[in-house]
Amino acid sequence: MSVGRSIMKTTTKCFARGAAGSPLSAKEISRQSGTEDPNGKTVWYDCKLLALEGKGWEATESYYDRLPAKARATVPPVVWDLSHDTAGMFVRFSTDSEALEVRWTLLKAGLAMSHMPATGVSGLDIYARDKSGKWIYQGTGRPEKTSNARTFNVAPGSECILYLPLYNGLKSIEIGIPKGKTLLTPDLSGLKRGKPVVFYGTSIIQGGCASRPGLAAVSIVSRELDVPVVNLGFSGNGRMEQALADILAELDPSVYVLDCLWNMESGLVNERVEPFVKTLRKARPDTPIVLVEDTSVKDVSPTEKGRVLRAVYDKLTKDGVKGIHFLPNTGMLGTDSEGTVDGCHHNDLGMMRQADVLSKALRPLLKLAK
């Protein structure tokens, strides 16, 4: 039977722990806000009741969109279409149940791509934080059709994060727990992790071609540094249009990371990077901006477009633009040529290597201990 929602109540139960190990307050999701399964054994809860991370704007057409509704009128149509993909988003929760179910209905019928498996394109990942504070992989929801369900086992009471698909969107997603068990969601204000790091770029930033959502480089960085992130990677379309600069300037991040060279010719780099950076700098005078060189499977640095980007960076610095940083591609794919699926898009190894370089570059900007 379906019952109406009631207000979540604050509970003294503590399941989540911040980077320093301090307990977080949590809200218990009222059982009256769930829907009891016809079998009478499971209660399903809409994930909209849980703490969602990775979303930059509240005023979106669909709850899980990555761009605000007003962007439809200004950004390229293909970027708008890609903004429905849930890359980088996850929900945070805990339950006193050892077993939980997740069921999700996808926006698009295409589950996989020729160079990226269905688990990465349309699947789900669950991680749980162990007693030391480290995030441990628990399992993947493997999609077989548009509507799917998967059962996971987690340690009762552990803090969990559920990663959403990288290259598909969601019509709905729910968590089911046994009747009589409790679902909690944390008070994110207790995390005290500061503003999000905003990543803007190409398919690689979006997550292509990780085998599952938790292995996208942006998501790895978030877990490694314990910082919130917003993933604004748009496959084939990280091209630094002015409309995207204006949209990104609305956000108030801790750092902007711009990684667009794979989608830009040298002439476009020379034309668009400077006004894009100046738009962000005008709106956010003190926010660090990181310009990232394109990766090279042959470990070449600087690349042809990297030289152009470096020249633009040098000009901006000479012109007195403060707080910008150039990040070479050194180490992002390694020296063994094994970091991609096709010479461009990162496999899991490439994602981990790039995340390591990004994390090291971000630590001092975020004033985090090494």
Protein backbone atom coordinates (compact mmCIF):
# COMPACT_ATOMS: atom_id res chain seq x y z
CA MET A 1 0.00 0.00 0.00
CA SER A 2 1.09 3.58 -0.55
CA VAL A 3 1.02 6.03 2.28
CA GLY A 4 1.57 9.77 2.31
CA ARG A 5 4.86 11.39 3.19
CA SER A 6 5.49 12.74 6.63
CA ILE A 7 8.25 14.99 7.83
CA MET A 8 11.65 13.42 8.45
CA LYS A 9 12.61 13.50 12.09
CA THR A 10 16.03 14.24 13.52
CA THR A 11 17.49 11.33 15.40
CA THR A 12 20.40 10.99 17.76
CA LYS A 13 21.56 7.89 15.92
CA CYS A 14 24.99 8.43 14.39
CA PHE A 15 26.04 6.43 11.35
CA ALA A 16 28.11 8.90 9.39
CA ARG A 17 31.53 10.20 10.27
CA GLY A 18 33.32 13.10 8.69
CA ALA A 19 36.95 13.12 7.63
CA ALA A 20 38.05 13.79 11.20
CA GLY A 21 35.90 10.95 12.51
CA SER A 22 33.31 13.09 14.29
CA PRO A 23 29.74 11.70 14.33
CA LEU A 24 27.17 13.34 12.09
CA SER A 25 23.59 13.93 13.04
CA ALA A 26 21.12 12.11 10.83
CA LYS A 27 17.49 12.20 9.91
CA GLU A 28 15.34 9.10 10.05
CA ILE A 29 13.10 8.71 7.03
CA SER A 30 9.58 8.21 8.30
CA ARG A 31 8.11 4.84 7.37
CA GLN A 32 4.95 6.69 6.37
CA SER A 33 6.90 8.28 3.51
CA GLY A 34 7.64 4.88 1.99
CA THR A 35 5.58 2.49 -0.11
CA GLU A 36 5.01 -1.01 1.20
CA ASP A 37 5.64 -3.79 -1.29
CA PRO A 38 2.64 -6.05 -2.04
CA ASN A 39 4.54 -8.90 -0.39
CA GLY A 40 4.36 -6.98 2.88
CA LYS A 41 8.04 -7.58 3.55
CA THR A 42 9.73 -4.54 1.96
CA VAL A 43 9.22 -0.79 2.23
CA TRP A 44 10.45 1.31 -0.70
CA TYR A 45 11.75 4.87 -0.30
CA ASP A 46 12.20 7.37 -3.11
CA CYS A 47 15.84 8.49 -3.19
CA LYS A 48 14.61 12.09 -3.40
CA LEU A 49 14.13 11.73 0.37
CA LEU A 50 17.87 11.20 0.83
CA ALA A 51 20.81 13.60 0.78
CA LEU A 52 21.84 14.09 -2.87
CA GLU A 53 25.36 15.27 -3.69
CA GLY A 54 26.84 16.38 -6.99
CA LYS A 55 23.98 18.65 -8.04
CA GLY A 56 24.94 22.26 -8.71
CA TRP A 57 21.49 23.83 -9.05
CA GLU A 58 18.15 23.25 -7.38
CA ALA A 59 15.96 24.77 -10.11
CA THR A 60 16.17 21.90 -12.61
CA GLU A 61 13.52 20.53 -14.97
CA SER A 62 14.08 17.01 -13.72
CA TYR A 63 15.29 16.31 -10.19
CA TYR A 64 18.46 14.54 -11.38
CA ASP A 65 19.45 17.02 -14.12
CA ARG A 66 22.93 18.54 -13.96
CA LEU A 67 22.07 21.97 -15.39
CA PRO A 68 19.36 24.45 -14.33
CA ALA A 69 16.13 24.60 -16.30
CA LYS A 70 16.95 28.03 -17.71
CA ALA A 71 20.07 26.61 -19.41
CA ARG A 72 17.85 24.95 -22.02
CA ALA A 73 17.52 28.33 -23.75
CA THR A 74 21.24 29.16 -23.83
CA VAL A 75 23.48 26.09 -24.03
CA PRO A 76 23.94 23.97 -27.19
CA PRO A 77 21.13 21.40 -27.58
CA VAL A 78 23.56 18.48 -27.29
CA VAL A 79 24.89 19.84 -23.98
CA TRP A 80 21.33 20.17 -22.73
CA ASP A 81 20.64 16.55 -23.68
CA LEU A 82 23.80 15.38 -21.91
CA SER A 83 22.86 17.34 -18.81
CA HIS A 84 20.18 14.73 -18.12
CA ASP A 85 22.92 12.15 -17.49
CA THR A 86 23.52 11.77 -13.75
CA ALA A 87 27.34 11.68 -13.86
CA GLY A 88 28.93 12.42 -10.50
CA MET A 89 25.71 12.37 -8.50
CA PHE A 90 25.19 10.10 -5.51
CA VAL A 91 22.87 9.72 -2.54
CA ARG A 92 24.14 9.25 1.01
CA PHE A 93 22.33 7.07 3.53
CA SER A 94 22.53 4.37 6.18
CA THR A 95 20.29 1.55 7.32
CA ASP A 96 20.22 -0.90 10.19
CA SER A 97 19.40 -3.61 7.67
CA GLU A 98 22.11 -5.91 6.37
CA ALA A 99 20.37 -6.30 3.02
CA LEU A 100 18.89 -3.56 0.86
CA GLU A 101 17.43 -3.42 -2.60
CA VAL A 102 17.71 -0.71 -5.20
CA ARG A 103 15.39 -0.39 -8.16
CA TRP A 104 15.89 2.21 -10.86
CA THR A 105 14.27 3.19 -14.15
CA LEU A 106 16.54 4.70 -16.78
CA LEU A 107 15.81 7.66 -18.99
CA LYS A 108 17.35 6.20 -22.16
CA ALA A 109 16.99 2.73 -23.64
CA GLY A 110 20.64 2.52 -24.69
CA LEU A 111 22.37 0.71 -21.82
CA ALA A 112 25.95 0.55 -23.11
CA MET A 113 28.32 1.89 -25.76
CA SER A 114 30.79 0.12 -28.01
CA HIS A 115 33.68 1.19 -25.79
CA MET A 116 31.97 1.43 -22.38
CA PRO A 117 30.04 -1.30 -20.53
CA ALA A 118 26.47 -1.06 -19.32
CA THR A 119 27.65 -1.02 -15.70
CA GLY A 120 29.39 2.31 -16.34
CA VAL A 121 26.85 3.85 -18.70
CA SER A 122 23.66 2.89 -16.87
CA GLY A 123 24.63 1.08 -13.67
CA LEU A 124 24.88 1.93 -9.98
CA ASP A 125 27.63 1.55 -7.38
CA ILE A 126 27.47 1.35 -3.59
CA TYR A 127 30.38 2.20 -1.30
CA ALA A 128 30.42 2.00 2.50
CA ARG A 129 32.77 3.80 4.88
CA ASP A 130 34.73 1.50 7.17
CA LYS A 131 35.78 2.25 10.75
CA SER A 132 38.99 3.93 9.58
CA GLY A 133 37.00 6.34 7.39
CA LYS A 134 37.95 4.71 4.08
CA TRP A 135 35.34 4.14 1.40
CA ILE A 136 35.04 0.46 0.46
CA TYR A 137 33.32 -0.79 -2.70
CA GLN A 138 30.27 -2.96 -1.94
CA GLY A 139 28.82 -3.87 -5.31
CA THR A 140 27.37 -2.75 -8.63
CA GLY A 141 23.84 -2.67 -9.97
CA ARG A 142 24.09 -4.20 -13.44
CA PRO A 143 21.40 -2.93 -15.82
CA GLU A 144 19.76 -5.41 -18.15
CA LYS A 145 16.80 -3.32 -19.30
CA THR A 146 15.27 0.10 -18.73
CA SER A 147 13.88 -0.87 -15.31
CA ASN A 148 16.18 -2.81 -13.00
CA ALA A 149 16.55 -4.06 -9.44
CA ARG A 150 19.55 -5.26 -7.45
CA THR A 151 20.11 -6.51 -3.89
CA PHE A 152 23.17 -5.34 -1.91
CA ASN A 153 24.62 -6.42 1.42
CA VAL A 154 26.24 -3.82 3.69
CA ALA A 155 27.34 -3.69 7.30
CA PRO A 156 24.34 -2.45 9.33
CA GLY A 157 24.79 1.15 10.44
CA SER A 158 27.61 1.98 8.02
CA GLU A 159 27.54 5.18 6.02
CA CYS A 160 26.81 4.39 2.37
CA ILE A 161 26.92 6.26 -0.90
CA LEU A 162 25.01 5.15 -3.98
CA TYR A 163 26.51 6.41 -7.25
CA LEU A 164 24.13 7.10 -10.13
CA PRO A 165 24.75 6.28 -13.83
CA LEU A 166 27.48 8.12 -15.75
CA TYR A 167 25.95 8.21 -19.23
CA ASN A 168 22.24 7.73 -18.61
CA GLY A 169 19.58 9.61 -16.71
CA LEU A 170 16.97 8.47 -14.23
CA LYS A 171 13.21 8.55 -14.27
CA SER A 172 13.16 7.15 -10.75
CA ILE A 173 15.30 5.37 -8.17
CA GLU A 174 14.25 3.81 -4.86
CA ILE A 175 15.84 1.96 -1.97
CA GLY A 176 13.96 -0.92 -0.39
CA ILE A 177 14.61 -2.25 3.12
CA PRO A 178 12.81 -4.92 5.17
CA LYS A 179 9.68 -3.74 6.93
CA GLY A 180 10.57 -2.67 10.46
CA LYS A 181 14.08 -1.55 9.54
CA THR A 182 15.22 2.08 9.50
CA LEU A 183 16.62 4.30 6.74
CA LEU A 184 18.70 7.33 7.71
CA THR A 185 20.08 10.23 5.71
CA PRO A 186 22.80 12.53 7.08
CA ASP A 187 22.61 16.20 7.83
CA LEU A 188 25.16 17.34 5.25
CA SER A 189 25.76 20.59 7.13
CA GLY A 190 27.64 18.46 9.63
CA LEU A 191 30.22 17.36 7.08
CA LYS A 192 32.00 20.74 7.13
CA ARG A 193 33.81 19.92 3.90
CA GLY A 194 33.42 23.35 2.36
CA LYS A 195 32.31 24.29 -1.13
CA PRO A 196 32.33 21.78 -4.00
CA VAL A 197 35.07 21.40 -6.57
CA VAL A 198 33.45 22.03 -9.95
CA PHE A 199 34.82 20.00 -12.87
CA TYR A 200 33.95 21.11 -16.40
CA GLY A 201 35.10 19.24 -19.46
CA THR A 202 34.76 16.39 -21.89
CA SER A 203 33.65 12.77 -21.94
CA ILE A 204 36.66 11.89 -19.79
CA ILE A 205 35.45 14.18 -17.01
CA GLN A 206 31.91 12.82 -17.43
CA GLY A 207 33.33 9.36 -16.78
CA GLY A 208 34.15 7.79 -20.14
CA CYS A 209 35.01 5.00 -20.10
CA ALA A 210 35.02 3.78 -16.50
CA SER A 211 33.60 0.30 -15.97
CA ARG A 212 31.31 1.55 -13.20
CA PRO A 213 30.24 4.94 -11.76
CA GLY A 214 32.46 4.91 -8.67
CA LEU A 215 35.57 4.66 -10.84
CA ALA A 216 35.09 7.93 -12.73
CA ALA A 217 38.10 10.13 -11.93
CA VAL A 218 35.95 12.91 -10.46
CA SER A 219 34.28 10.45 -8.08
CA ILE A 220 37.62 8.97 -7.04
CA VAL A 221 38.90 12.48 -6.23
CA SER A 222 35.81 13.14 -4.12
CA ARG A 223 36.38 10.02 -2.04
CA GLU A 224 40.14 10.48 -1.80
CA LEU A 225 39.95 14.09 -0.59
CA ASP A 226 36.56 13.78 1.13
CA VAL A 227 35.29 16.87 -0.70
CA PRO A 228 32.01 17.54 -2.51
CA VAL A 229 32.20 17.72 -6.29
CA VAL A 230 30.01 18.75 -9.21
CA ASN A 231 30.65 16.86 -12.46
CA LEU A 232 29.93 18.98 -15.52
CA GLY A 233 31.61 16.79 -18.10
CA PHE A 234 29.74 16.73 -21.42
CA SER A 235 30.78 13.99 -23.82
CA GLY A 236 32.25 15.47 -27.01
CA ASN A 237 31.11 18.92 -25.95
CA GLY A 238 33.51 20.45 -23.47
CA ARG A 239 34.05 23.39 -25.81
CA MET A 240 33.98 26.43 -23.53
CA GLU A 241 31.04 28.27 -25.07
CA GLN A 242 30.27 31.61 -23.42
CA ALA A 243 26.88 30.28 -22.33
CA LEU A 244 28.67 27.61 -20.28
CA ALA A 245 30.97 30.21 -18.74
CA ASP A 246 27.94 32.24 -17.67
CA ILE A 247 26.27 29.16 -16.17
CA LEU A 248 29.39 28.01 -14.29
CA ALA A 249 29.90 31.53 -12.95
CA GLU A 250 26.63 31.16 -11.02
CA LEU A 251 28.17 28.46 -8.85
CA ASP A 252 30.30 29.21 -5.80
CA PRO A 253 32.90 26.43 -5.75
CA SER A 254 36.13 25.95 -3.86
CA VAL A 255 37.97 25.37 -7.16
CA TYR A 256 37.11 25.34 -10.86
CA VAL A 257 38.82 22.56 -12.85
CA LEU A 258 38.63 23.08 -16.62
CA ASP A 259 39.63 20.05 -18.72
CA CYS A 260 38.38 20.64 -22.25
CA LEU A 261 41.24 20.25 -24.71
CA TRP A 262 40.17 16.90 -26.17
CA ASN A 263 37.05 18.65 -27.56
CA MET A 264 38.77 21.80 -28.83
CA GLU A 265 41.01 22.52 -31.79
CA SER A 266 44.05 24.73 -31.17
CA GLY A 267 42.31 27.73 -32.72
CA LEU A 268 39.33 27.28 -30.42
CA VAL A 269 41.62 27.01 -27.39
CA ASN A 270 43.23 30.29 -28.36
CA GLU A 271 39.83 31.91 -28.95
CA ARG A 272 37.73 30.71 -26.02
CA VAL A 273 39.85 29.96 -22.96
CA GLU A 274 40.70 33.57 -22.10
CA PRO A 275 37.13 34.96 -22.12
CA PHE A 276 35.89 31.84 -20.32
CA VAL A 277 38.42 32.28 -17.53
CA LYS A 278 37.80 36.02 -17.29
CA THR A 279 34.05 35.41 -16.94
CA LEU A 280 34.67 33.08 -14.02
CA ARG A 281 37.23 35.40 -12.47
CA LYS A 282 34.88 38.39 -12.65
CA ALA A 283 32.12 36.45 -10.88
CA ARG A 284 34.43 34.66 -8.40
CA PRO A 285 37.51 36.86 -7.79
CA ASP A 286 39.12 34.53 -5.26
CA THR A 287 38.28 31.06 -6.57
CA PRO A 288 41.25 29.07 -7.94
CA ILE A 289 40.94 28.05 -11.59
CA VAL A 290 42.89 25.03 -12.84
CA LEU A 291 43.55 24.69 -16.57
CA VAL A 292 44.28 21.05 -17.45
CA GLU A 293 46.36 19.85 -20.39
CA ASP A 294 44.87 17.08 -22.52
CA THR A 295 46.05 13.57 -21.70
CA SER A 296 48.41 11.63 -23.96
CA VAL A 297 48.46 7.84 -24.21
CA LYS A 298 52.08 8.14 -25.40
CA ASP A 299 52.95 10.26 -22.35
CA VAL A 300 53.73 13.34 -24.45
CA SER A 301 53.87 16.66 -22.61
CA PRO A 302 53.41 19.32 -23.71
CA THR A 303 50.89 18.33 -26.34
CA GLU A 304 50.19 20.56 -29.33
CA LYS A 305 47.06 21.98 -27.71
CA GLY A 306 48.82 21.98 -24.35
CA ARG A 307 51.32 24.49 -25.74
CA VAL A 308 48.48 26.73 -26.88
CA LEU A 309 46.77 26.45 -23.49
CA ARG A 310 50.04 27.25 -21.73
CA ALA A 311 50.45 30.36 -23.90
CA VAL A 312 46.94 31.52 -22.98
CA TYR A 313 47.70 30.84 -19.32
CA ASP A 314 50.93 32.87 -19.56
CA LYS A 315 49.05 35.76 -21.18
CA LEU A 316 46.36 35.73 -18.49
CA THR A 317 49.01 35.73 -15.79
CA LYS A 318 50.90 38.55 -17.49
CA ASP A 319 47.65 40.52 -17.72
CA GLY A 320 47.27 40.27 -13.95
CA VAL A 321 44.61 37.56 -13.69
CA LYS A 322 45.22 36.00 -10.29
CA GLY A 323 44.61 32.51 -8.97
CA ILE A 324 44.91 30.52 -12.18
CA HIS A 325 46.95 27.33 -12.35
CA PHE A 326 48.25 25.23 -15.25
CA LEU A 327 48.24 21.45 -14.73
CA PRO A 328 50.38 19.42 -17.17
CA ASN A 329 49.24 15.93 -18.11
CA THR A 330 52.34 14.31 -16.62
CA GLY A 331 51.43 11.03 -14.95
CA MET A 332 47.75 11.15 -15.87
CA LEU A 333 47.92 8.03 -18.04
CA GLY A 334 51.29 6.63 -17.02
CA THR A 335 54.13 5.53 -19.29
CA ASP A 336 52.93 2.04 -20.23
CA SER A 337 50.21 3.05 -22.75
CA GLU A 338 47.68 0.92 -20.84
CA GLY A 339 45.42 3.68 -19.49
CA THR A 340 42.76 3.94 -22.20
CA VAL A 341 40.19 1.85 -24.05
CA ASP A 342 40.88 3.46 -27.42
CA GLY A 343 43.88 5.78 -27.14
CA CYS A 344 41.71 8.57 -25.73
CA HIS A 345 39.01 7.55 -23.27
CA HIS A 346 40.27 6.32 -19.92
CA ASN A 347 39.81 2.80 -18.66
CA ASP A 348 39.73 2.18 -14.91
CA LEU A 349 43.53 2.28 -14.68
CA GLY A 350 43.62 5.61 -16.50
CA MET A 351 40.87 7.00 -14.30
CA MET A 352 42.79 6.07 -11.15
CA ARG A 353 46.00 7.60 -12.48
CA GLN A 354 44.31 10.83 -13.52
CA ALA A 355 42.49 11.04 -10.19
CA ASP A 356 45.82 10.71 -8.38
CA VAL A 357 47.32 13.63 -10.32
CA LEU A 358 44.20 15.76 -9.83
CA SER A 359 44.06 15.00 -6.10
CA LYS A 360 47.69 16.01 -5.61
CA ALA A 361 47.10 19.26 -7.49
CA LEU A 362 43.95 20.09 -5.54
CA ARG A 363 45.26 19.40 -2.03
CA PRO A 364 47.21 22.67 -1.66
CA LEU A 365 44.43 24.70 -3.29
CA LEU A 366 41.95 23.25 -0.80
CA LYS A 367 44.45 23.62 2.04
CA LEU A 368 44.31 19.91 2.78
CA ALA A 369 47.10 17.98 4.47
CA LYS A 370 49.24 15.84 2.17
